[in-house]
Amino acid sequence: MTAAEVGWSDPGADPPHEWEHTRTRLEEAECALAGMVSENNELRAIIRRVREYAQSLHLLADVTREAGGDYVAKLHDEAACAIELLIGDAP
């Protein structure tokens, strides 16, 4: 039981066994948060690589267009635009 549950006025007067329970819950929450931050960083890295791939497709389309391959260049541009739409970037 906590101080609030038994009506004690001092929240720091919780029984020692509650301190350990609270500390354990805090450590679990910190570990969960650290895991979410790590996953978020991994997802950002994936999105960055996908964005770079779309940019390389645009560059490939430009080079192909300069070489006279308008149809193939259009395919590369369309693929790049589709990828950008999927990850939420403006094409």
N, C-alpha and C. Protein backbone atom coordinates (compact mmCIF):
# COMPACT_ATOMS: atom_id res chain seq x y z
N MET A 1 0.84 -1.18 0.00
CA MET A 1 0.00 0.00 0.00
C MET A 1 0.88 1.24 0.00
N THR A 2 0.39 2.28 -0.64
CA THR A 2 1.12 3.54 -0.68
C THR A 2 0.63 4.48 0.39
N ALA A 3 1.38 5.57 0.57
CA ALA A 3 1.00 6.56 1.59
C ALA A 3 -0.38 7.12 1.30
N ALA A 4 -0.68 7.35 0.04
CA ALA A 4 -1.99 7.90 -0.32
C ALA A 4 -3.10 6.92 0.02
N GLU A 5 -2.85 5.63 -0.15
CA GLU A 5 -3.88 4.63 0.11
C GLU A 5 -4.20 4.50 1.60
N VAL A 6 -3.21 4.66 2.43
CA VAL A 6 -3.46 4.51 3.86
C VAL A 6 -3.76 5.84 4.54
N GLY A 7 -3.70 6.94 3.74
CA GLY A 7 -4.05 8.22 4.29
C GLY A 7 -2.91 8.96 4.96
N TRP A 8 -1.68 8.50 4.74
CA TRP A 8 -0.54 9.23 5.31
C TRP A 8 -0.38 10.54 4.56
N SER A 9 0.07 11.56 5.24
CA SER A 9 0.20 12.86 4.60
C SER A 9 1.51 13.00 3.83
N ASP A 10 2.51 12.24 4.17
CA ASP A 10 3.82 12.36 3.53
C ASP A 10 3.99 11.26 2.49
N PRO A 11 4.01 11.62 1.18
CA PRO A 11 4.19 10.58 0.16
C PRO A 11 5.52 9.86 0.27
N GLY A 12 6.52 10.51 0.89
CA GLY A 12 7.81 9.85 1.06
C GLY A 12 7.78 8.81 2.17
N ALA A 13 6.65 8.69 2.84
CA ALA A 13 6.53 7.74 3.94
C ALA A 13 6.03 6.38 3.48
N ASP A 14 6.11 6.13 2.19
CA ASP A 14 5.70 4.81 1.68
C ASP A 14 6.57 3.74 2.32
N PRO A 15 6.00 2.57 2.52
CA PRO A 15 6.79 1.47 3.06
C PRO A 15 7.94 1.11 2.12
N PRO A 16 9.06 0.67 2.64
CA PRO A 16 10.23 0.36 1.81
C PRO A 16 9.96 -0.64 0.69
N HIS A 17 9.05 -1.59 0.91
CA HIS A 17 8.79 -2.55 -0.17
C HIS A 17 8.14 -1.87 -1.38
N GLU A 18 7.44 -0.77 -1.16
CA GLU A 18 6.87 -0.01 -2.27
C GLU A 18 7.95 0.73 -3.04
N TRP A 19 9.01 1.13 -2.36
CA TRP A 19 10.11 1.81 -3.04
C TRP A 19 10.72 0.90 -4.10
N GLU A 20 10.94 -0.34 -3.71
CA GLU A 20 11.55 -1.29 -4.65
C GLU A 20 10.62 -1.56 -5.82
N HIS A 21 9.33 -1.69 -5.53
CA HIS A 21 8.34 -1.92 -6.59
C HIS A 21 8.31 -0.73 -7.55
N THR A 22 8.32 0.48 -7.01
CA THR A 22 8.30 1.68 -7.85
C THR A 22 9.58 1.79 -8.66
N ARG A 23 10.72 1.48 -8.04
CA ARG A 23 12.00 1.52 -8.75
C ARG A 23 12.01 0.50 -9.90
N THR A 24 11.47 -0.67 -9.65
CA THR A 24 11.41 -1.70 -10.69
C THR A 24 10.53 -1.24 -11.85
N ARG A 25 9.38 -0.68 -11.54
CA ARG A 25 8.48 -0.19 -12.60
C ARG A 25 9.12 0.94 -13.39
N LEU A 26 9.86 1.82 -12.71
CA LEU A 26 10.55 2.91 -13.39
C LEU A 26 11.63 2.38 -14.32
N GLU A 27 12.40 1.39 -13.86
CA GLU A 27 13.44 0.80 -14.71
C GLU A 27 12.83 0.11 -15.93
N GLU A 28 11.71 -0.56 -15.74
CA GLU A 28 11.03 -1.21 -16.86
C GLU A 28 10.56 -0.17 -17.88
N ALA A 29 10.01 0.93 -17.38
CA ALA A 29 9.55 2.00 -18.27
C ALA A 29 10.72 2.62 -19.02
N GLU A 30 11.86 2.82 -18.33
CA GLU A 30 13.04 3.38 -18.99
C GLU A 30 13.56 2.45 -20.08
N CYS A 31 13.55 1.16 -19.81
CA CYS A 31 14.00 0.18 -20.82
C CYS A 31 13.06 0.17 -22.02
N ALA A 32 11.77 0.24 -21.76
CA ALA A 32 10.80 0.26 -22.86
C ALA A 32 10.97 1.51 -23.70
N LEU A 33 11.18 2.65 -23.05
CA LEU A 33 11.39 3.90 -23.77
C LEU A 33 12.68 3.85 -24.60
N ALA A 34 13.73 3.30 -24.04
CA ALA A 34 14.99 3.18 -24.77
C ALA A 34 14.80 2.29 -26.00
N GLY A 35 14.01 1.23 -25.87
CA GLY A 35 13.73 0.36 -27.01
C GLY A 35 12.96 1.09 -28.09
N MET A 36 12.00 1.91 -27.69
CA MET A 36 11.22 2.67 -28.68
C MET A 36 12.08 3.70 -29.39
N VAL A 37 12.98 4.34 -28.66
CA VAL A 37 13.88 5.32 -29.28
C VAL A 37 14.78 4.62 -30.29
N SER A 38 15.27 3.45 -29.94
CA SER A 38 16.13 2.68 -30.85
C SER A 38 15.37 2.29 -32.11
N GLU A 39 14.15 1.82 -31.95
CA GLU A 39 13.33 1.45 -33.11
C GLU A 39 13.03 2.67 -33.98
N ASN A 40 12.77 3.79 -33.35
CA ASN A 40 12.50 5.03 -34.09
C ASN A 40 13.72 5.41 -34.93
N ASN A 41 14.90 5.31 -34.34
CA ASN A 41 16.12 5.64 -35.07
C ASN A 41 16.33 4.69 -36.25
N GLU A 42 16.03 3.41 -36.05
CA GLU A 42 16.15 2.44 -37.13
C GLU A 42 15.19 2.76 -38.26
N LEU A 43 13.95 3.12 -37.92
CA LEU A 43 12.96 3.47 -38.94
C LEU A 43 13.36 4.72 -39.70
N ARG A 44 13.91 5.70 -38.99
CA ARG A 44 14.38 6.91 -39.67
C ARG A 44 15.50 6.58 -40.66
N ALA A 45 16.39 5.68 -40.27
CA ALA A 45 17.48 5.28 -41.17
C ALA A 45 16.93 4.57 -42.41
N ILE A 46 15.92 3.75 -42.23
CA ILE A 46 15.31 3.05 -43.37
C ILE A 46 14.67 4.06 -44.32
N ILE A 47 13.92 5.00 -43.76
CA ILE A 47 13.26 6.02 -44.59
C ILE A 47 14.31 6.84 -45.33
N ARG A 48 15.41 7.18 -44.66
CA ARG A 48 16.47 7.94 -45.32
C ARG A 48 17.05 7.17 -46.50
N ARG A 49 17.27 5.85 -46.32
CA ARG A 49 17.81 5.04 -47.43
C ARG A 49 16.81 4.94 -48.58
N VAL A 50 15.53 4.82 -48.27
CA VAL A 50 14.52 4.77 -49.32
C VAL A 50 14.46 6.11 -50.06
N ARG A 51 14.56 7.20 -49.32
CA ARG A 51 14.57 8.54 -49.92
C ARG A 51 15.78 8.70 -50.85
N GLU A 52 16.95 8.22 -50.41
CA GLU A 52 18.15 8.28 -51.24
C GLU A 52 17.99 7.45 -52.51
N TYR A 53 17.31 6.30 -52.40
CA TYR A 53 17.08 5.46 -53.56
C TYR A 53 16.18 6.19 -54.56
N ALA A 54 15.14 6.85 -54.07
CA ALA A 54 14.25 7.61 -54.96
C ALA A 54 15.02 8.73 -55.64
N GLN A 55 15.89 9.38 -54.91
CA GLN A 55 16.70 10.45 -55.51
C GLN A 55 17.63 9.89 -56.59
N SER A 56 18.18 8.71 -56.34
CA SER A 56 19.05 8.11 -57.36
C SER A 56 18.25 7.72 -58.60
N LEU A 57 17.00 7.33 -58.43
CA LEU A 57 16.16 7.04 -59.59
C LEU A 57 15.89 8.30 -60.41
N HIS A 58 15.68 9.41 -59.73
CA HIS A 58 15.50 10.68 -60.45
C HIS A 58 16.77 11.04 -61.24
N LEU A 59 17.93 10.85 -60.62
CA LEU A 59 19.19 11.12 -61.31
C LEU A 59 19.38 10.19 -62.51
N LEU A 60 19.03 8.94 -62.32
CA LEU A 60 19.13 7.98 -63.42
C LEU A 60 18.19 8.38 -64.56
N ALA A 61 17.03 8.87 -64.22
CA ALA A 61 16.08 9.33 -65.24
C ALA A 61 16.66 10.52 -66.01
N ASP A 62 17.31 11.43 -65.30
CA ASP A 62 17.92 12.58 -65.98
C ASP A 62 19.01 12.15 -66.95
N VAL A 63 19.86 11.23 -66.51
CA VAL A 63 20.94 10.75 -67.37
C VAL A 63 20.37 10.01 -68.57
N THR A 64 19.36 9.19 -68.34
CA THR A 64 18.74 8.43 -69.43
C THR A 64 18.06 9.37 -70.42
N ARG A 65 17.42 10.40 -69.93
CA ARG A 65 16.76 11.38 -70.79
C ARG A 65 17.79 12.10 -71.66
N GLU A 66 18.93 12.46 -71.07
CA GLU A 66 19.99 13.13 -71.83
C GLU A 66 20.56 12.23 -72.93
N ALA A 67 20.52 10.92 -72.69
CA ALA A 67 21.03 9.97 -73.67
C ALA A 67 19.98 9.62 -74.73
N GLY A 68 18.78 10.21 -74.60
CA GLY A 68 17.75 9.99 -75.61
C GLY A 68 16.73 8.92 -75.25
N GLY A 69 16.77 8.40 -74.06
CA GLY A 69 15.83 7.36 -73.65
C GLY A 69 14.67 7.93 -72.87
N ASP A 70 13.82 8.70 -73.56
CA ASP A 70 12.72 9.38 -72.87
C ASP A 70 11.74 8.41 -72.21
N TYR A 71 11.43 7.30 -72.88
CA TYR A 71 10.46 6.35 -72.32
C TYR A 71 11.01 5.73 -71.03
N VAL A 72 12.25 5.29 -71.06
CA VAL A 72 12.85 4.65 -69.88
C VAL A 72 13.02 5.69 -68.76
N ALA A 73 13.37 6.92 -69.14
CA ALA A 73 13.50 7.98 -68.15
C ALA A 73 12.18 8.24 -67.45
N LYS A 74 11.10 8.20 -68.22
CA LYS A 74 9.78 8.40 -67.63
C LYS A 74 9.46 7.29 -66.63
N LEU A 75 9.84 6.06 -66.95
CA LEU A 75 9.62 4.94 -66.03
C LEU A 75 10.38 5.14 -64.72
N HIS A 76 11.63 5.59 -64.82
CA HIS A 76 12.42 5.84 -63.61
C HIS A 76 11.81 6.97 -62.77
N ASP A 77 11.38 8.03 -63.45
CA ASP A 77 10.74 9.14 -62.72
C ASP A 77 9.45 8.71 -62.03
N GLU A 78 8.65 7.91 -62.72
CA GLU A 78 7.39 7.45 -62.13
C GLU A 78 7.64 6.54 -60.94
N ALA A 79 8.64 5.68 -61.05
CA ALA A 79 8.97 4.80 -59.92
C ALA A 79 9.45 5.62 -58.73
N ALA A 80 10.28 6.63 -59.00
CA ALA A 80 10.77 7.48 -57.92
C ALA A 80 9.62 8.25 -57.27
N CYS A 81 8.71 8.76 -58.06
CA CYS A 81 7.55 9.49 -57.52
C CYS A 81 6.66 8.57 -56.68
N ALA A 82 6.48 7.34 -57.13
CA ALA A 82 5.67 6.38 -56.36
C ALA A 82 6.31 6.09 -55.01
N ILE A 83 7.63 5.92 -55.01
CA ILE A 83 8.34 5.68 -53.75
C ILE A 83 8.20 6.88 -52.83
N GLU A 84 8.36 8.08 -53.38
CA GLU A 84 8.25 9.29 -52.56
C GLU A 84 6.85 9.43 -51.98
N LEU A 85 5.84 9.08 -52.74
CA LEU A 85 4.48 9.14 -52.22
C LEU A 85 4.28 8.14 -51.07
N LEU A 86 4.87 6.96 -51.20
CA LEU A 86 4.72 5.93 -50.18
C LEU A 86 5.36 6.35 -48.85
N ILE A 87 6.45 7.07 -48.92
CA ILE A 87 7.11 7.46 -47.65
C ILE A 87 6.67 8.85 -47.19
N GLY A 88 5.76 9.47 -47.91
CA GLY A 88 5.20 10.74 -47.48
C GLY A 88 5.95 11.97 -47.95
N ASP A 89 6.85 11.80 -48.90
CA ASP A 89 7.56 12.95 -49.46
C ASP A 89 6.80 13.47 -50.67
N ALA A 90 6.93 14.75 -50.91
CA ALA A 90 6.32 15.32 -52.11
C ALA A 90 7.19 14.98 -53.31
N PRO A 91 6.59 14.43 -54.36
CA PRO A 91 7.40 14.07 -55.54
C PRO A 91 7.89 15.29 -56.29
